[in-house]
Amino acid sequence: METLLQIGKLPEGNEKFNDFETFLRLIVAARICRFTDQCKVANEIARKWAQIVTKAFSRGTYFQIDYDESYIQVFGRKPNGGRLADFVNFYQLSLMLGLLDKQTEARMLDYVLKHENGIYYVYENRLNIVPEKFQSKKASRYLAAIELLSRYPSGKEKLSFAYDWLKANQQADGTWNMGQTVKDGVYFPLSDCWDKAARITDSTYRINKLFTYVAT
């Protein structure tokens, strides 16, 4: 992965859209940083994205023009395509953990929670509105978005409404059951089977793991 990060090119060749190399390095750096903070190239890419987003919120709220100007300054070209023209994306949000100052982080989370299209690659609706149906794939994707944002220090405060939603759907014995239809091969199952007992075990494990971020 580090070699791929350095050369910026897939073995089979890059996709034919402007700035794919930047996008590729973003993806690979985000994955590397989930496992280690010892990769200098990945860390440098992470700092570049934190710089861009910090500038985008420097006037107190998000300004696309500031994002674009900072992107050009950092990467030497305009952001092209939906995956780069907007930072509300799984990869950027994964990569900037621990790199934003407290004020920027709080502003950024407020913006992401109200973003009409949710988080690209994760959840497609506004995050400040909880899903109507808890036992659903939509709720599982929503939970994935909350899991991502909860890793930011400001998440404990900003996401309190989502934690209340989870508590409201907790069963009397302290467990959770997200239901049979939530099985998608991505987030569930965690167990080797998918009977009712396994669904409860998987759901409870996943949600309790999320609450560990709230407690820290």
N, C-alpha and C. Protein backbone atom coordinates (compact mmCIF):
# COMPACT_ATOMS: atom_id res chain seq x y z
N MET A 1 0.82 -1.21 0.00
CA MET A 1 0.00 0.00 0.00
C MET A 1 0.86 1.26 0.00
N GLU A 2 1.97 1.22 0.73
CA GLU A 2 2.85 2.39 0.74
C GLU A 2 3.47 2.62 -0.63
N THR A 3 3.80 1.54 -1.33
CA THR A 3 4.34 1.68 -2.69
C THR A 3 3.31 2.31 -3.61
N LEU A 4 2.07 1.84 -3.50
CA LEU A 4 0.99 2.41 -4.31
C LEU A 4 0.79 3.88 -3.99
N LEU A 5 0.95 4.22 -2.74
CA LEU A 5 0.80 5.61 -2.31
C LEU A 5 1.88 6.49 -2.94
N GLN A 6 3.06 5.97 -3.04
CA GLN A 6 4.18 6.74 -3.56
C GLN A 6 4.11 6.93 -5.08
N ILE A 7 3.73 5.87 -5.81
CA ILE A 7 3.71 5.99 -7.27
C ILE A 7 2.43 6.61 -7.78
N GLY A 8 1.33 6.51 -7.01
CA GLY A 8 0.07 7.15 -7.39
C GLY A 8 -0.56 6.56 -8.64
N LYS A 9 -0.33 5.27 -8.87
CA LYS A 9 -0.88 4.65 -10.08
C LYS A 9 -1.23 3.20 -9.81
N LEU A 10 -2.42 2.78 -10.24
CA LEU A 10 -2.85 1.40 -10.10
C LEU A 10 -2.11 0.51 -11.09
N PRO A 11 -1.88 -0.76 -10.77
CA PRO A 11 -1.22 -1.67 -11.70
C PRO A 11 -1.93 -1.76 -13.04
N GLU A 12 -3.27 -1.72 -13.02
CA GLU A 12 -4.05 -1.81 -14.25
C GLU A 12 -4.28 -0.45 -14.91
N GLY A 13 -3.68 0.59 -14.35
CA GLY A 13 -3.86 1.93 -14.89
C GLY A 13 -4.92 2.71 -14.14
N ASN A 14 -4.80 4.00 -14.11
CA ASN A 14 -5.75 4.84 -13.38
C ASN A 14 -7.02 5.09 -14.18
N GLU A 15 -8.09 5.40 -13.45
CA GLU A 15 -9.34 5.76 -14.11
C GLU A 15 -9.15 7.08 -14.86
N LYS A 16 -9.94 7.26 -15.90
CA LYS A 16 -9.77 8.43 -16.76
C LYS A 16 -10.67 9.57 -16.32
N PHE A 17 -10.35 10.17 -15.19
CA PHE A 17 -10.98 11.44 -14.83
C PHE A 17 -9.93 12.32 -14.18
N ASN A 18 -10.14 13.60 -14.28
CA ASN A 18 -9.15 14.56 -13.80
C ASN A 18 -8.81 14.34 -12.33
N ASP A 19 -7.52 14.34 -12.04
CA ASP A 19 -7.03 14.28 -10.67
C ASP A 19 -7.31 12.93 -9.99
N PHE A 20 -7.36 11.86 -10.76
CA PHE A 20 -7.54 10.54 -10.15
C PHE A 20 -6.37 10.20 -9.24
N GLU A 21 -5.19 10.69 -9.58
CA GLU A 21 -4.01 10.40 -8.77
C GLU A 21 -4.19 10.93 -7.35
N THR A 22 -4.73 12.15 -7.22
CA THR A 22 -4.99 12.72 -5.90
C THR A 22 -6.01 11.88 -5.14
N PHE A 23 -7.05 11.46 -5.86
CA PHE A 23 -8.09 10.66 -5.23
C PHE A 23 -7.54 9.30 -4.79
N LEU A 24 -6.71 8.69 -5.62
CA LEU A 24 -6.11 7.40 -5.27
C LEU A 24 -5.26 7.52 -4.02
N ARG A 25 -4.44 8.54 -3.96
CA ARG A 25 -3.59 8.73 -2.78
C ARG A 25 -4.43 9.00 -1.53
N LEU A 26 -5.54 9.70 -1.70
CA LEU A 26 -6.46 9.93 -0.59
C LEU A 26 -6.98 8.61 -0.03
N ILE A 27 -7.45 7.73 -0.91
CA ILE A 27 -8.00 6.44 -0.49
C ILE A 27 -6.95 5.61 0.25
N VAL A 28 -5.78 5.48 -0.36
CA VAL A 28 -4.74 4.63 0.21
C VAL A 28 -4.24 5.20 1.54
N ALA A 29 -4.05 6.51 1.60
CA ALA A 29 -3.59 7.13 2.84
C ALA A 29 -4.60 6.93 3.97
N ALA A 30 -5.88 7.06 3.65
CA ALA A 30 -6.92 6.86 4.66
C ALA A 30 -6.89 5.44 5.21
N ARG A 31 -6.67 4.47 4.34
CA ARG A 31 -6.61 3.08 4.79
C ARG A 31 -5.36 2.82 5.63
N ILE A 32 -4.24 3.36 5.21
CA ILE A 32 -3.01 3.16 5.98
C ILE A 32 -3.13 3.77 7.37
N CYS A 33 -3.70 4.96 7.44
CA CYS A 33 -3.80 5.65 8.72
C CYS A 33 -4.77 4.99 9.69
N ARG A 34 -5.61 4.10 9.19
CA ARG A 34 -6.47 3.33 10.10
C ARG A 34 -5.66 2.29 10.88
N PHE A 35 -4.48 1.94 10.35
CA PHE A 35 -3.67 0.90 10.97
C PHE A 35 -2.41 1.42 11.64
N THR A 36 -1.85 2.51 11.13
CA THR A 36 -0.60 3.01 11.68
C THR A 36 -0.46 4.51 11.47
N ASP A 37 0.30 5.15 12.36
CA ASP A 37 0.60 6.57 12.20
C ASP A 37 2.08 6.75 11.88
N GLN A 38 2.73 5.68 11.39
CA GLN A 38 4.16 5.71 11.14
C GLN A 38 4.52 5.85 9.66
N CYS A 39 3.52 6.03 8.81
CA CYS A 39 3.78 6.21 7.38
C CYS A 39 3.86 7.70 7.08
N LYS A 40 5.06 8.20 6.78
CA LYS A 40 5.28 9.63 6.59
C LYS A 40 4.48 10.18 5.42
N VAL A 41 4.41 9.43 4.33
CA VAL A 41 3.69 9.91 3.14
C VAL A 41 2.20 10.03 3.43
N ALA A 42 1.64 9.02 4.08
CA ALA A 42 0.22 9.06 4.43
C ALA A 42 -0.07 10.20 5.39
N ASN A 43 0.81 10.40 6.35
CA ASN A 43 0.62 11.48 7.33
C ASN A 43 0.66 12.85 6.65
N GLU A 44 1.53 12.99 5.66
CA GLU A 44 1.62 14.25 4.94
C GLU A 44 0.35 14.52 4.15
N ILE A 45 -0.21 13.50 3.53
CA ILE A 45 -1.47 13.65 2.80
C ILE A 45 -2.59 14.03 3.76
N ALA A 46 -2.60 13.41 4.93
CA ALA A 46 -3.61 13.75 5.94
C ALA A 46 -3.50 15.21 6.35
N ARG A 47 -2.28 15.69 6.55
CA ARG A 47 -2.08 17.09 6.94
C ARG A 47 -2.55 18.05 5.84
N LYS A 48 -2.35 17.66 4.60
CA LYS A 48 -2.80 18.50 3.49
C LYS A 48 -4.31 18.66 3.50
N TRP A 49 -5.02 17.56 3.73
CA TRP A 49 -6.49 17.65 3.77
C TRP A 49 -6.97 18.43 4.98
N ALA A 50 -6.29 18.28 6.11
CA ALA A 50 -6.65 19.06 7.29
C ALA A 50 -6.43 20.55 7.03
N GLN A 51 -5.38 20.87 6.31
CA GLN A 51 -5.11 22.27 5.95
C GLN A 51 -6.22 22.84 5.07
N ILE A 52 -6.66 22.06 4.09
CA ILE A 52 -7.71 22.51 3.18
C ILE A 52 -9.02 22.74 3.94
N VAL A 53 -9.39 21.80 4.78
CA VAL A 53 -10.66 21.92 5.51
C VAL A 53 -10.59 23.02 6.55
N THR A 54 -9.45 23.20 7.19
CA THR A 54 -9.29 24.30 8.15
C THR A 54 -9.51 25.64 7.47
N LYS A 55 -8.93 25.81 6.29
CA LYS A 55 -9.13 27.04 5.53
C LYS A 55 -10.60 27.21 5.14
N ALA A 56 -11.26 26.12 4.77
CA ALA A 56 -12.65 26.19 4.33
C ALA A 56 -13.58 26.70 5.43
N PHE A 57 -13.21 26.50 6.70
CA PHE A 57 -14.05 26.93 7.83
C PHE A 57 -13.45 28.14 8.56
N SER A 58 -12.45 28.75 8.01
CA SER A 58 -11.71 29.80 8.71
C SER A 58 -12.53 31.05 8.96
N ARG A 59 -13.62 31.23 8.20
CA ARG A 59 -14.47 32.41 8.41
C ARG A 59 -15.69 32.10 9.29
N GLY A 60 -15.66 31.00 9.98
CA GLY A 60 -16.71 30.67 10.94
C GLY A 60 -17.72 29.67 10.43
N THR A 61 -17.82 29.54 9.12
CA THR A 61 -18.70 28.55 8.51
C THR A 61 -18.05 28.09 7.22
N TYR A 62 -18.62 27.10 6.57
CA TYR A 62 -18.00 26.55 5.37
C TYR A 62 -18.19 27.48 4.17
N PHE A 63 -17.09 27.76 3.48
CA PHE A 63 -17.13 28.52 2.24
C PHE A 63 -16.47 27.70 1.14
N GLN A 64 -17.24 27.38 0.11
CA GLN A 64 -16.70 26.59 -0.99
C GLN A 64 -15.53 27.28 -1.67
N ILE A 65 -15.60 28.59 -1.79
CA ILE A 65 -14.52 29.32 -2.45
C ILE A 65 -13.21 29.18 -1.68
N ASP A 66 -13.29 29.17 -0.35
CA ASP A 66 -12.08 28.99 0.46
C ASP A 66 -11.54 27.57 0.33
N TYR A 67 -12.45 26.61 0.27
CA TYR A 67 -12.05 25.21 0.05
C TYR A 67 -11.33 25.09 -1.29
N ASP A 68 -11.93 25.64 -2.34
CA ASP A 68 -11.35 25.54 -3.69
C ASP A 68 -9.98 26.21 -3.76
N GLU A 69 -9.87 27.39 -3.18
CA GLU A 69 -8.60 28.12 -3.23
C GLU A 69 -7.51 27.37 -2.46
N SER A 70 -7.85 26.81 -1.33
CA SER A 70 -6.87 26.07 -0.54
C SER A 70 -6.47 24.77 -1.26
N TYR A 71 -7.45 24.14 -1.89
CA TYR A 71 -7.18 22.91 -2.64
C TYR A 71 -6.19 23.21 -3.76
N ILE A 72 -6.40 24.29 -4.48
CA ILE A 72 -5.49 24.69 -5.57
C ILE A 72 -4.10 24.97 -5.03
N GLN A 73 -4.04 25.64 -3.89
CA GLN A 73 -2.75 25.95 -3.27
C GLN A 73 -1.99 24.68 -2.88
N VAL A 74 -2.73 23.69 -2.36
CA VAL A 74 -2.09 22.46 -1.88
C VAL A 74 -1.75 21.50 -3.01
N PHE A 75 -2.70 21.30 -3.94
CA PHE A 75 -2.52 20.29 -4.98
C PHE A 75 -2.17 20.85 -6.36
N GLY A 76 -2.24 22.17 -6.50
CA GLY A 76 -1.83 22.78 -7.75
C GLY A 76 -2.84 22.70 -8.88
N ARG A 77 -4.09 22.36 -8.57
CA ARG A 77 -5.14 22.27 -9.58
C ARG A 77 -6.50 22.42 -8.92
N LYS A 78 -7.52 22.68 -9.71
CA LYS A 78 -8.88 22.80 -9.18
C LYS A 78 -9.41 21.42 -8.79
N PRO A 79 -10.27 21.34 -7.76
CA PRO A 79 -10.90 20.06 -7.43
C PRO A 79 -11.93 19.69 -8.48
N ASN A 80 -11.81 18.50 -9.03
CA ASN A 80 -12.74 18.05 -10.06
C ASN A 80 -13.45 16.78 -9.62
N GLY A 81 -14.73 16.69 -9.92
CA GLY A 81 -15.49 15.49 -9.57
C GLY A 81 -16.07 15.56 -8.18
N GLY A 82 -17.20 14.89 -7.97
CA GLY A 82 -17.89 14.93 -6.69
C GLY A 82 -17.09 14.39 -5.53
N ARG A 83 -16.13 13.50 -5.81
CA ARG A 83 -15.36 12.89 -4.74
C ARG A 83 -14.28 13.81 -4.19
N LEU A 84 -13.96 14.86 -4.93
CA LEU A 84 -12.94 15.81 -4.48
C LEU A 84 -13.48 17.22 -4.29
N ALA A 85 -14.56 17.56 -4.99
CA ALA A 85 -15.13 18.91 -4.90
C ALA A 85 -15.80 19.15 -3.57
N ASP A 86 -16.08 18.09 -2.82
CA ASP A 86 -16.72 18.19 -1.51
C ASP A 86 -15.98 17.26 -0.56
N PHE A 87 -15.61 17.76 0.61
CA PHE A 87 -14.82 16.95 1.54
C PHE A 87 -15.67 15.97 2.35
N VAL A 88 -17.01 16.06 2.27
CA VAL A 88 -17.86 15.22 3.13
C VAL A 88 -17.92 13.81 2.52
N ASN A 89 -16.87 13.09 2.79
CA ASN A 89 -16.57 11.83 2.14
C ASN A 89 -15.93 10.91 3.18
N PHE A 90 -16.17 9.63 3.08
CA PHE A 90 -15.60 8.69 4.05
C PHE A 90 -14.10 8.87 4.19
N TYR A 91 -13.40 9.03 3.08
CA TYR A 91 -11.94 9.04 3.12
C TYR A 91 -11.38 10.29 3.77
N GLN A 92 -11.87 11.47 3.39
CA GLN A 92 -11.38 12.69 4.03
C GLN A 92 -11.69 12.70 5.52
N LEU A 93 -12.89 12.29 5.88
CA LEU A 93 -13.28 12.31 7.29
C LEU A 93 -12.51 11.28 8.10
N SER A 94 -12.12 10.18 7.48
CA SER A 94 -11.29 9.18 8.16
C SER A 94 -9.87 9.70 8.37
N LEU A 95 -9.40 10.46 7.40
CA LEU A 95 -8.00 10.86 7.37
C LEU A 95 -7.66 12.00 8.32
N MET A 96 -8.64 12.85 8.64
CA MET A 96 -8.35 14.07 9.40
C MET A 96 -8.47 13.92 10.91
N LEU A 97 -8.71 12.73 11.40
CA LEU A 97 -8.86 12.51 12.83
C LEU A 97 -7.61 12.98 13.58
N GLY A 98 -7.82 13.83 14.57
CA GLY A 98 -6.72 14.30 15.40
C GLY A 98 -5.89 15.42 14.79
N LEU A 99 -6.27 15.92 13.62
CA LEU A 99 -5.47 16.92 12.93
C LEU A 99 -6.12 18.30 12.87
N LEU A 100 -7.36 18.40 13.27
CA LEU A 100 -8.06 19.69 13.24
C LEU A 100 -8.04 20.32 14.62
N ASP A 101 -7.92 21.64 14.66
CA ASP A 101 -8.03 22.31 15.95
C ASP A 101 -9.48 22.19 16.44
N LYS A 102 -9.67 22.41 17.72
CA LYS A 102 -10.98 22.18 18.34
C LYS A 102 -12.09 22.98 17.69
N GLN A 103 -11.82 24.24 17.39
CA GLN A 103 -12.83 25.11 16.80
C GLN A 103 -13.22 24.64 15.40
N THR A 104 -12.24 24.32 14.57
CA THR A 104 -12.51 23.85 13.22
C THR A 104 -13.26 22.53 13.25
N GLU A 105 -12.84 21.65 14.15
CA GLU A 105 -13.49 20.35 14.25
C GLU A 105 -14.97 20.50 14.59
N ALA A 106 -15.28 21.36 15.54
CA ALA A 106 -16.68 21.58 15.93
C ALA A 106 -17.49 22.14 14.77
N ARG A 107 -16.94 23.10 14.05
CA ARG A 107 -17.63 23.68 12.90
C ARG A 107 -17.83 22.63 11.81
N MET A 108 -16.81 21.83 11.60
CA MET A 108 -16.89 20.81 10.57
C MET A 108 -17.97 19.77 10.89
N LEU A 109 -18.03 19.33 12.14
CA LEU A 109 -19.04 18.35 12.52
C LEU A 109 -20.45 18.92 12.38
N ASP A 110 -20.64 20.16 12.76
CA ASP A 110 -21.94 20.80 12.58
C ASP A 110 -22.35 20.80 11.11
N TYR A 111 -21.40 21.10 10.25
CA TYR A 111 -21.66 21.14 8.81
C TYR A 111 -22.00 19.75 8.27
N VAL A 112 -21.24 18.76 8.67
CA VAL A 112 -21.46 17.39 8.19
C VAL A 112 -22.81 16.86 8.64
N LEU A 113 -23.20 17.16 9.86
CA LEU A 113 -24.48 16.67 10.39
C LEU A 113 -25.67 17.25 9.62
N LYS A 114 -25.51 18.43 9.04
CA LYS A 114 -26.59 19.06 8.29
C LYS A 114 -26.46 18.87 6.78
N HIS A 115 -25.42 18.19 6.36
CA HIS A 115 -25.17 17.99 4.93
C HIS A 115 -26.30 17.18 4.31
N GLU A 116 -26.93 17.73 3.28
CA GLU A 116 -28.13 17.12 2.72
C GLU A 116 -27.91 15.70 2.20
N ASN A 117 -26.74 15.44 1.68
CA ASN A 117 -26.47 14.12 1.09
C ASN A 117 -25.66 13.21 2.00
N GLY A 118 -25.65 13.51 3.28
CA GLY A 118 -24.95 12.65 4.21
C GLY A 118 -23.45 12.61 3.96
N ILE A 119 -22.85 11.44 4.16
CA ILE A 119 -21.43 11.22 3.93
C ILE A 119 -21.25 10.28 2.74
N TYR A 120 -20.58 10.75 1.72
CA TYR A 120 -20.37 9.96 0.51
C TYR A 120 -19.72 8.63 0.85
N TYR A 121 -20.24 7.55 0.30
CA TYR A 121 -19.80 6.17 0.51
C TYR A 121 -20.33 5.54 1.81
N VAL A 122 -21.01 6.32 2.65
CA VAL A 122 -21.47 5.77 3.92
C VAL A 122 -22.98 5.85 4.07
N TYR A 123 -23.52 7.07 4.04
CA TYR A 123 -24.94 7.29 4.32
C TYR A 123 -25.42 8.46 3.48
N GLU A 124 -26.61 8.32 2.89
CA GLU A 124 -27.05 9.23 1.85
C GLU A 124 -28.03 10.31 2.29
N ASN A 125 -28.32 10.42 3.58
CA ASN A 125 -29.28 11.42 4.06
C ASN A 125 -28.67 12.27 5.18
N ARG A 126 -29.39 13.32 5.56
CA ARG A 126 -28.91 14.18 6.64
C ARG A 126 -28.72 13.37 7.92
N LEU A 127 -27.62 13.64 8.61
CA LEU A 127 -27.28 12.87 9.80
C LEU A 127 -27.93 13.41 11.07
N ASN A 128 -28.44 14.64 11.02
CA ASN A 128 -29.09 15.16 12.22
C ASN A 128 -30.55 14.72 12.32
N ILE A 129 -30.96 13.86 11.40
CA ILE A 129 -32.30 13.26 11.43
C ILE A 129 -32.11 11.74 11.51
N VAL A 130 -32.51 11.15 12.60
CA VAL A 130 -32.30 9.70 12.78
C VAL A 130 -33.28 8.91 11.93
N PRO A 131 -32.94 7.71 11.51
CA PRO A 131 -33.85 6.88 10.70
C PRO A 131 -35.13 6.55 11.46
N GLU A 132 -36.22 6.48 10.72
CA GLU A 132 -37.50 6.16 11.35
C GLU A 132 -37.55 4.72 11.82
N LYS A 133 -36.93 3.82 11.07
CA LYS A 133 -36.98 2.40 11.39
C LYS A 133 -35.62 1.92 11.87
N PHE A 134 -35.55 1.44 13.10
CA PHE A 134 -34.28 0.99 13.67
C PHE A 134 -33.82 -0.32 13.04
N GLN A 135 -34.74 -1.24 12.82
CA GLN A 135 -34.38 -2.53 12.24
C GLN A 135 -34.39 -2.41 10.71
N SER A 136 -33.30 -1.91 10.17
CA SER A 136 -33.22 -1.67 8.73
C SER A 136 -31.77 -1.48 8.30
N LYS A 137 -31.51 -1.70 7.01
CA LYS A 137 -30.18 -1.44 6.46
C LYS A 137 -29.84 0.04 6.52
N LYS A 138 -30.86 0.87 6.36
CA LYS A 138 -30.63 2.32 6.44
C LYS A 138 -30.10 2.69 7.81
N ALA A 139 -30.66 2.10 8.85
CA ALA A 139 -30.19 2.38 10.21
C ALA A 139 -28.76 1.90 10.40
N SER A 140 -28.40 0.79 9.77
CA SER A 140 -27.04 0.28 9.86
C SER A 140 -26.05 1.23 9.19
N ARG A 141 -26.43 1.77 8.03
CA ARG A 141 -25.57 2.73 7.35
C ARG A 141 -25.47 4.03 8.16
N TYR A 142 -26.58 4.41 8.76
CA TYR A 142 -26.57 5.60 9.62
C TYR A 142 -25.60 5.38 10.79
N LEU A 143 -25.66 4.20 11.36
CA LEU A 143 -24.78 3.88 12.48
C LEU A 143 -23.31 3.94 12.03
N ALA A 144 -23.04 3.53 10.80
CA ALA A 144 -21.67 3.60 10.28
C ALA A 144 -21.18 5.04 10.22
N ALA A 145 -22.06 5.95 9.83
CA ALA A 145 -21.70 7.36 9.79
C ALA A 145 -21.43 7.90 11.19
N ILE A 146 -22.26 7.51 12.14
CA ILE A 146 -22.07 7.95 13.52
C ILE A 146 -20.77 7.37 14.09
N GLU A 147 -20.48 6.13 13.74
CA GLU A 147 -19.23 5.51 14.18
C GLU A 147 -18.02 6.31 13.70
N LEU A 148 -18.09 6.76 12.47
CA LEU A 148 -16.99 7.54 11.91
C LEU A 148 -16.83 8.87 12.64
N LEU A 149 -17.92 9.60 12.80
CA LEU A 149 -17.85 10.92 13.42
C LEU A 149 -17.56 10.85 14.92
N SER A 150 -17.95 9.77 15.56
CA SER A 150 -17.76 9.66 17.01
C SER A 150 -16.29 9.56 17.40
N ARG A 151 -15.44 9.28 16.43
CA ARG A 151 -14.01 9.18 16.72
C ARG A 151 -13.36 10.56 16.89
N TYR A 152 -14.07 11.59 16.48
CA TYR A 152 -13.58 12.96 16.73
C TYR A 152 -13.90 13.34 18.17
N PRO A 153 -12.98 14.00 18.87
CA PRO A 153 -13.23 14.38 20.26
C PRO A 153 -14.53 15.16 20.47
N SER A 154 -14.89 16.03 19.52
CA SER A 154 -16.12 16.81 19.64
C SER A 154 -17.37 15.97 19.42
N GLY A 155 -17.19 14.75 18.93
CA GLY A 155 -18.33 13.90 18.62
C GLY A 155 -19.18 13.56 19.83
N LYS A 156 -18.55 13.43 20.99
CA LYS A 156 -19.29 13.08 22.20
C LYS A 156 -20.43 14.05 22.45
N GLU A 157 -20.16 15.33 22.26
CA GLU A 157 -21.19 16.36 22.48
C GLU A 157 -22.11 16.49 21.27
N LYS A 158 -21.54 16.54 20.08
CA LYS A 158 -22.31 16.80 18.87
C LYS A 158 -23.27 15.67 18.54
N LEU A 159 -22.95 14.45 18.94
CA LEU A 159 -23.74 13.28 18.55
C LEU A 159 -24.64 12.77 19.68
N SER A 160 -24.87 13.58 20.69
CA SER A 160 -25.66 13.12 21.83
C SER A 160 -27.07 12.68 21.41
N PHE A 161 -27.65 13.33 20.41
CA PHE A 161 -28.99 12.97 19.94
C PHE A 161 -28.99 11.56 19.34
N ALA A 162 -27.91 11.19 18.68
CA ALA A 162 -27.82 9.85 18.08
C ALA A 162 -27.67 8.79 19.16
N TYR A 163 -26.91 9.11 20.20
CA TYR A 163 -26.78 8.18 21.31
C TYR A 163 -28.12 8.00 22.02
N ASP A 164 -28.89 9.07 22.14
CA ASP A 164 -30.23 8.97 22.73
C ASP A 164 -31.12 8.07 21.89
N TRP A 165 -31.00 8.17 20.57
CA TRP A 165 -31.76 7.31 19.66
C TRP A 165 -31.41 5.84 19.87
N LEU A 166 -30.15 5.56 20.04
CA LEU A 166 -29.73 4.18 20.29
C LEU A 166 -30.25 3.67 21.63
N LYS A 167 -30.18 4.51 22.63
CA LYS A 167 -30.67 4.11 23.95
C LYS A 167 -32.18 3.86 23.92
N ALA A 168 -32.90 4.65 23.12
CA ALA A 168 -34.35 4.49 23.01
C ALA A 168 -34.71 3.17 22.34
N ASN A 169 -33.79 2.62 21.57
CA ASN A 169 -34.04 1.36 20.87
C ASN A 169 -33.38 0.17 21.56
N GLN A 170 -32.87 0.40 22.75
CA GLN A 170 -32.28 -0.69 23.54
C GLN A 170 -33.39 -1.54 24.14
N GLN A 171 -33.20 -2.83 24.15
CA GLN A 171 -34.19 -3.74 24.70
C GLN A 171 -34.11 -3.75 26.23
N ALA A 172 -35.13 -4.31 26.84
CA ALA A 172 -35.24 -4.27 28.29
C ALA A 172 -34.06 -4.95 28.99
N ASP A 173 -33.46 -5.95 28.34
CA ASP A 173 -32.34 -6.66 28.95
C ASP A 173 -30.99 -6.00 28.65
N GLY A 174 -31.02 -4.81 28.03
CA GLY A 174 -29.79 -4.09 27.77
C GLY A 174 -29.13 -4.39 26.45
N THR A 175 -29.75 -5.24 25.64
CA THR A 175 -29.19 -5.59 24.33
C THR A 175 -29.88 -4.81 23.22
N TRP A 176 -29.37 -4.97 22.00
CA TRP A 176 -30.00 -4.39 20.80
C TRP A 176 -30.21 -5.47 19.76
N ASN A 177 -31.23 -5.29 18.96
CA ASN A 177 -31.50 -6.20 17.84
C ASN A 177 -31.88 -5.34 16.63
N MET A 178 -30.98 -5.25 15.66
CA MET A 178 -31.24 -4.43 14.47
C MET A 178 -32.03 -5.19 13.41
N GLY A 179 -32.38 -6.43 13.69
CA GLY A 179 -33.31 -7.16 12.83
C GLY A 179 -32.66 -7.98 11.73
N GLN A 180 -33.45 -8.82 11.13
CA GLN A 180 -32.97 -9.75 10.12
C GLN A 180 -32.56 -9.05 8.83
N THR A 181 -33.30 -8.01 8.43
CA THR A 181 -33.07 -7.37 7.14
C THR A 181 -31.78 -6.54 7.11
N VAL A 182 -31.16 -6.31 8.26
CA VAL A 182 -29.96 -5.48 8.32
C VAL A 182 -28.73 -6.19 7.73
N LYS A 183 -28.83 -7.49 7.54
CA LYS A 183 -27.71 -8.25 6.97
C LYS A 183 -27.41 -7.75 5.55
N ASP A 184 -26.18 -7.26 5.35
CA ASP A 184 -25.81 -6.73 4.04
C ASP A 184 -24.46 -7.22 3.56
N GLY A 185 -23.77 -8.02 4.36
CA GLY A 185 -22.46 -8.51 3.96
C GLY A 185 -21.36 -7.48 4.09
N VAL A 186 -21.70 -6.29 4.57
CA VAL A 186 -20.71 -5.23 4.78
C VAL A 186 -20.53 -4.97 6.27
N TYR A 187 -21.61 -4.55 6.93
CA TYR A 187 -21.56 -4.28 8.36
C TYR A 187 -22.04 -5.48 9.19
N PHE A 188 -22.90 -6.27 8.63
CA PHE A 188 -23.39 -7.49 9.27
C PHE A 188 -23.43 -8.63 8.26
N PRO A 189 -23.23 -9.88 8.69
CA PRO A 189 -23.04 -10.30 10.08
C PRO A 189 -21.59 -10.20 10.54
N LEU A 190 -21.44 -10.14 11.86
CA LEU A 190 -20.13 -10.28 12.48
C LEU A 190 -19.89 -11.72 12.89
N SER A 191 -20.96 -12.41 13.24
CA SER A 191 -20.89 -13.81 13.64
C SER A 191 -20.87 -14.71 12.40
N ASP A 192 -20.64 -15.99 12.62
CA ASP A 192 -20.61 -16.96 11.52
C ASP A 192 -21.99 -17.34 11.04
N CYS A 193 -23.01 -17.04 11.82
CA CYS A 193 -24.38 -17.35 11.42
C CYS A 193 -25.24 -16.10 11.60
N TRP A 194 -26.54 -16.22 11.28
CA TRP A 194 -27.40 -15.05 11.34
C TRP A 194 -28.77 -15.43 11.89
N ASP A 195 -28.78 -16.23 12.95
CA ASP A 195 -30.04 -16.50 13.63
C ASP A 195 -30.32 -15.37 14.61
N LYS A 196 -31.43 -15.45 15.32
CA LYS A 196 -31.82 -14.35 16.19
C LYS A 196 -30.78 -14.06 17.27
N ALA A 197 -30.24 -15.14 17.87
CA ALA A 197 -29.24 -14.95 18.92
C ALA A 197 -28.00 -14.24 18.39
N ALA A 198 -27.57 -14.62 17.18
CA ALA A 198 -26.39 -14.00 16.58
C ALA A 198 -26.66 -12.54 16.23
N ARG A 199 -27.89 -12.26 15.75
CA ARG A 199 -28.23 -10.88 15.41
C ARG A 199 -28.17 -9.98 16.63
N ILE A 200 -28.67 -10.47 17.74
CA ILE A 200 -28.64 -9.70 18.98
C ILE A 200 -27.20 -9.51 19.46
N THR A 201 -26.42 -10.59 19.39
CA THR A 201 -25.01 -10.51 19.79
C THR A 201 -24.25 -9.51 18.93
N ASP A 202 -24.45 -9.59 17.61
CA ASP A 202 -23.75 -8.68 16.69
C ASP A 202 -24.17 -7.24 16.89
N SER A 203 -25.47 -7.01 16.99
CA SER A 203 -25.98 -5.65 17.15
C SER A 203 -25.47 -5.04 18.45
N THR A 204 -25.52 -5.81 19.52
CA THR A 204 -25.10 -5.32 20.83
C THR A 204 -23.61 -5.04 20.87
N TYR A 205 -22.83 -5.92 20.27
CA TYR A 205 -21.38 -5.71 20.23
C TYR A 205 -21.04 -4.42 19.48
N ARG A 206 -21.67 -4.23 18.33
CA ARG A 206 -21.37 -3.06 17.52
C ARG A 206 -21.74 -1.76 18.23
N ILE A 207 -22.91 -1.73 18.84
CA ILE A 207 -23.36 -0.50 19.50
C ILE A 207 -22.58 -0.24 20.78
N ASN A 208 -22.28 -1.29 21.54
CA ASN A 208 -21.48 -1.09 22.74
C ASN A 208 -20.08 -0.57 22.39
N LYS A 209 -19.53 -1.03 21.27
CA LYS A 209 -18.23 -0.55 20.83
C LYS A 209 -18.30 0.95 20.53
N LEU A 210 -19.40 1.38 19.91
CA LEU A 210 -19.60 2.81 19.64
C LEU A 210 -19.64 3.59 20.94
N PHE A 211 -20.30 3.06 21.95
CA PHE A 211 -20.42 3.79 23.21
C PHE A 211 -19.10 3.90 23.96
N THR A 212 -18.11 3.10 23.59
CA THR A 212 -16.79 3.24 24.22
C THR A 212 -16.15 4.58 23.84
N TYR A 213 -16.49 5.10 22.65
CA TYR A 213 -15.98 6.41 22.25
C TYR A 213 -16.63 7.51 23.08
N VAL A 214 -17.90 7.30 23.45
CA VAL A 214 -18.61 8.30 24.26
C VAL A 214 -18.00 8.37 25.66
N ALA A 215 -17.56 7.22 26.17
CA ALA A 215 -17.07 7.17 27.53
C ALA A 215 -15.66 7.71 27.68
N THR A 216 -14.91 7.78 26.57
CA THR A 216 -13.51 8.22 26.66
C THR A 216 -13.41 9.74 26.66
